[in-house]
Amino acid sequence: MAIRASAKRSWAGPRGTCWKIRICRSSWPTEPRPGRNPTPALALQAAGATVLSLACDQEGPAVTNTNSSTTREFIADTLALVLFFTLAGALNERFIVGMSWEEVLRARLIGAPLMVLTARPYGIWRSWLMARFAGDGRVSQGLWDSLALLLFQVPIYVSIIWTSGARGGELLLGALGAVAYMFLLGRPYGMFLDWVRALFSLPPGGQKPMSPGG
């Protein structure tokens, strides 16, 4: 009884070519066929056992598809921000600021592309701030979630309503309203964002290194 190993090139990564190796007992001759060089990645282990493994020419971590994760993070963060703050912004502008429905519509149309551009940067900012400063308690989580949203979004929001025509008292009320409702909605939005991310099989934002799911 002899040991025979066969290998098939599986994929080529940045750290070397990987081979799919099948090792089994066989009565076939073990000499390589004439004109063929031995496969460079063969390593016979556990004589007599049939195994299926991957061996690489060079050692290194497995290559993961980061492009897919990055795309899902962009879509999840953007979808969450657009859905949540289109509604919240419209309610604030109409019933607190006193803008007309025409002004509200114009503000939302201006705000939509800005939200698309800022959604993922906000997700990164929130994750960094929460991981660095927020504790495990509900009060700390809520406080830093609210501060993250307020510090990032209020300047953007004020610029939106100014561009849409708000001036003087309207602009001041809009800014004060934005500070209040961004602070109040910070934690609810953070929870909504984490829920949307979970729909895309993504971990919650703001996890500390080595935390479960991080």
Protein backbone atom coordinates (compact mmCIF):
# COMPACT_ATOMS: atom_id res chain seq x y z
CA MET A 1 0.00 0.00 0.00
CA ALA A 2 1.42 3.39 -0.97
CA ILE A 3 0.66 6.99 -0.25
CA ARG A 4 -0.50 9.10 -3.18
CA ALA A 5 -1.00 12.86 -3.12
CA SER A 6 -2.65 14.97 -5.76
CA ALA A 7 -2.86 18.74 -5.86
CA LYS A 8 -4.95 21.22 -7.76
CA ARG A 9 -4.23 24.92 -7.96
CA SER A 10 -7.05 26.61 -6.05
CA TRP A 11 -6.36 30.34 -6.16
CA ALA A 12 -3.53 32.84 -6.27
CA GLY A 13 -3.46 35.40 -3.47
CA PRO A 14 -1.14 38.27 -2.65
CA ARG A 15 0.91 36.01 -0.40
CA GLY A 16 1.34 33.09 -2.75
CA THR A 17 -0.43 30.43 -4.74
CA CYS A 18 -2.70 28.09 -2.81
CA TRP A 19 -3.20 24.44 -3.72
CA LYS A 20 -6.02 22.08 -2.87
CA ILE A 21 -4.37 18.85 -1.75
CA ARG A 22 -5.91 15.42 -1.47
CA ILE A 23 -3.91 12.76 0.36
CA CYS A 24 -5.02 9.13 0.44
CA ARG A 25 -3.81 5.60 0.57
CA SER A 26 -3.60 3.94 -2.80
CA SER A 27 -2.06 1.04 -4.57
CA TRP A 28 -1.14 3.31 -7.48
CA PRO A 29 2.53 3.99 -8.14
CA THR A 30 3.89 7.05 -6.34
CA GLU A 31 6.38 8.14 -9.00
CA PRO A 32 5.43 11.29 -10.92
CA ARG A 33 4.44 10.84 -14.53
CA PRO A 34 7.16 11.44 -17.10
CA GLY A 35 7.52 15.09 -18.06
CA ARG A 36 5.75 16.43 -14.92
CA ASN A 37 7.44 18.24 -12.05
CA PRO A 38 6.32 17.54 -8.48
CA THR A 39 3.77 20.03 -7.13
CA PRO A 40 5.65 22.54 -4.92
CA ALA A 41 3.10 22.67 -2.06
CA LEU A 42 2.80 18.94 -1.26
CA ALA A 43 3.17 17.99 2.40
CA LEU A 44 2.22 14.46 3.36
CA GLN A 45 0.61 14.22 6.79
CA ALA A 46 -1.23 11.56 8.78
CA ALA A 47 -0.23 8.60 6.66
CA GLY A 48 -3.17 6.40 5.79
CA ALA A 49 -5.81 9.10 6.37
CA THR A 50 -7.80 10.75 3.63
CA VAL A 51 -7.79 14.52 4.10
CA LEU A 52 -8.71 17.62 2.14
CA SER A 53 -6.70 20.70 2.97
CA LEU A 54 -5.29 23.95 1.65
CA ALA A 55 -1.57 24.62 1.58
CA CYS A 56 0.10 27.83 0.42
CA ASP A 57 3.50 28.46 -1.06
CA GLN A 58 3.93 31.27 1.46
CA GLU A 59 2.53 31.56 4.94
CA GLY A 60 0.06 34.34 5.64
CA PRO A 61 -3.48 35.10 6.78
CA ALA A 62 -6.41 34.03 4.70
CA VAL A 63 -7.56 36.63 2.22
CA THR A 64 -11.02 37.97 2.96
CA ASN A 65 -13.33 39.81 0.67
CA THR A 66 -13.23 43.29 2.22
CA ASN A 67 -14.92 44.91 -0.76
CA SER A 68 -18.21 43.18 0.05
CA SER A 69 -18.11 44.32 3.69
CA THR A 70 -17.27 47.91 2.73
CA THR A 71 -20.17 48.03 0.26
CA ARG A 72 -22.62 46.66 2.82
CA GLU A 73 -21.44 49.17 5.42
CA PHE A 74 -21.96 52.05 2.98
CA ILE A 75 -25.45 50.85 2.00
CA ALA A 76 -26.55 50.16 5.60
CA ASP A 77 -25.30 53.48 7.01
CA THR A 78 -26.74 55.46 4.10
CA LEU A 79 -30.13 53.76 4.19
CA ALA A 80 -30.45 54.27 7.94
CA LEU A 81 -29.55 57.97 7.82
CA VAL A 82 -31.76 58.82 4.85
CA LEU A 83 -34.83 57.04 6.22
CA PHE A 84 -34.51 58.31 9.78
CA PHE A 85 -33.63 61.94 9.17
CA THR A 86 -35.82 62.57 6.18
CA LEU A 87 -38.77 62.04 8.51
CA ALA A 88 -37.20 63.72 11.55
CA GLY A 89 -35.98 66.72 9.55
CA ALA A 90 -39.33 67.26 7.85
CA LEU A 91 -41.20 67.22 11.17
CA ASN A 92 -38.73 69.67 12.75
CA GLU A 93 -38.83 72.08 9.81
CA ARG A 94 -42.61 72.12 9.51
CA PHE A 95 -43.83 72.08 13.10
CA ILE A 96 -40.94 73.60 15.09
CA VAL A 97 -39.21 75.96 12.65
CA GLY A 98 -42.47 76.91 10.93
CA MET A 99 -41.21 76.51 7.38
CA SER A 100 -43.76 76.03 4.61
CA TRP A 101 -44.19 72.62 3.01
CA GLU A 102 -42.51 73.99 -0.09
CA GLU A 103 -39.46 75.00 1.95
CA VAL A 104 -39.52 71.64 3.70
CA LEU A 105 -39.52 69.82 0.37
CA ARG A 106 -36.68 71.97 -0.90
CA ALA A 107 -34.68 71.34 2.28
CA ARG A 108 -35.21 67.58 2.00
CA LEU A 109 -34.17 67.57 -1.66
CA ILE A 110 -31.01 69.47 -0.75
CA GLY A 111 -30.42 67.26 2.26
CA ALA A 112 -30.78 63.90 0.49
CA PRO A 113 -27.47 63.99 -1.45
CA LEU A 114 -25.70 65.45 1.57
CA MET A 115 -26.98 62.57 3.69
CA VAL A 116 -25.71 60.09 1.11
CA LEU A 117 -22.29 61.75 1.23
CA THR A 118 -22.09 61.99 5.03
CA ALA A 119 -23.81 58.78 6.17
CA ARG A 120 -20.76 56.52 6.06
CA PRO A 121 -18.37 59.16 7.47
CA TYR A 122 -20.82 59.62 10.35
CA GLY A 123 -20.89 55.85 10.90
CA ILE A 124 -17.09 55.81 11.14
CA TRP A 125 -17.10 58.89 13.43
CA ARG A 126 -19.75 57.38 15.71
CA SER A 127 -17.95 54.03 15.94
CA TRP A 128 -14.67 55.75 16.84
CA LEU A 129 -16.24 58.05 19.44
CA MET A 130 -18.30 55.29 21.07
CA ALA A 131 -15.40 52.83 21.17
CA ARG A 132 -13.06 55.44 22.65
CA PHE A 133 -15.25 57.17 25.24
CA ALA A 134 -18.54 55.34 25.87
CA GLY A 135 -18.80 52.89 28.74
CA ASP A 136 -20.94 49.79 28.93
CA GLY A 137 -23.78 51.43 30.88
CA ARG A 138 -26.96 52.71 29.26
CA VAL A 139 -26.40 56.28 30.43
CA SER A 140 -22.90 56.45 28.97
CA GLN A 141 -23.99 54.79 25.73
CA GLY A 142 -26.91 57.19 25.36
CA LEU A 143 -24.86 60.28 26.20
CA TRP A 144 -22.07 59.58 23.71
CA ASP A 145 -24.48 58.46 21.01
CA SER A 146 -26.29 61.78 21.37
CA LEU A 147 -23.07 63.82 21.42
CA ALA A 148 -21.78 62.01 18.35
CA LEU A 149 -24.89 62.92 16.38
CA LEU A 150 -25.09 66.49 17.67
CA LEU A 151 -21.45 67.37 16.96
CA PHE A 152 -21.49 65.87 13.48
CA GLN A 153 -24.95 66.71 12.14
CA VAL A 154 -25.94 70.12 13.55
CA PRO A 155 -23.50 72.15 11.40
CA ILE A 156 -24.63 70.23 8.31
CA TYR A 157 -28.29 70.71 9.16
CA VAL A 158 -27.93 74.45 9.72
CA SER A 159 -26.25 74.82 6.34
CA ILE A 160 -29.11 72.90 4.71
CA ILE A 161 -31.90 75.11 6.06
CA TRP A 162 -29.86 78.26 5.35
CA THR A 163 -29.45 77.18 1.73
CA SER A 164 -33.17 76.44 1.49
CA GLY A 165 -34.09 79.98 2.52
CA ALA A 166 -34.23 80.12 6.34
CA ARG A 167 -32.97 83.45 7.70
CA GLY A 168 -32.89 85.35 10.98
CA GLY A 169 -35.34 83.93 13.49
CA GLU A 170 -36.10 80.90 11.33
CA LEU A 171 -32.42 80.04 11.13
CA LEU A 172 -31.91 80.49 14.88
CA LEU A 173 -34.96 78.40 15.72
CA GLY A 174 -33.82 75.78 13.26
CA ALA A 175 -30.36 75.62 14.83
CA LEU A 176 -31.75 75.41 18.38
CA GLY A 177 -34.28 72.84 17.29
CA ALA A 178 -31.53 70.82 15.62
CA VAL A 179 -29.42 70.86 18.78
CA ALA A 180 -32.37 69.69 20.86
CA TYR A 181 -33.67 66.97 18.59
CA MET A 182 -30.23 65.72 17.53
CA PHE A 183 -29.42 65.27 21.21
CA LEU A 184 -32.74 63.60 21.93
CA LEU A 185 -32.65 61.40 18.83
CA GLY A 186 -28.99 60.46 19.10
CA ARG A 187 -29.56 57.23 20.99
CA PRO A 188 -32.73 56.19 19.13
CA TYR A 189 -30.93 56.74 15.84
CA GLY A 190 -27.90 54.81 17.09
CA MET A 191 -30.13 51.85 17.94
CA PHE A 192 -31.90 52.14 14.58
CA LEU A 193 -28.55 52.27 12.79
CA ASP A 194 -27.34 49.14 14.61
CA TRP A 195 -30.61 47.39 13.69
CA VAL A 196 -30.19 48.26 10.00
CA ARG A 197 -26.57 47.12 10.12
CA ALA A 198 -27.70 43.80 11.58
CA LEU A 199 -30.00 43.33 8.57
CA PHE A 200 -26.86 43.49 6.43
CA SER A 201 -25.00 41.02 8.69
CA LEU A 202 -22.78 43.78 10.09
CA PRO A 203 -21.71 44.25 13.73
CA PRO A 204 -23.00 47.22 15.73
CA GLY A 205 -20.94 50.38 15.52
CA GLY A 206 -18.84 51.54 18.43
CA GLN A 207 -17.62 48.15 19.61
CA LYS A 208 -14.33 48.14 21.47
CA PRO A 209 -11.52 45.88 20.22
CA MET A 210 -11.95 42.24 21.24
CA SER A 211 -15.60 42.81 22.21
CA PRO A 212 -18.11 40.08 21.24
CA GLY A 213 -19.04 40.48 17.62
CA GLY A 214 -16.31 43.04 17.01
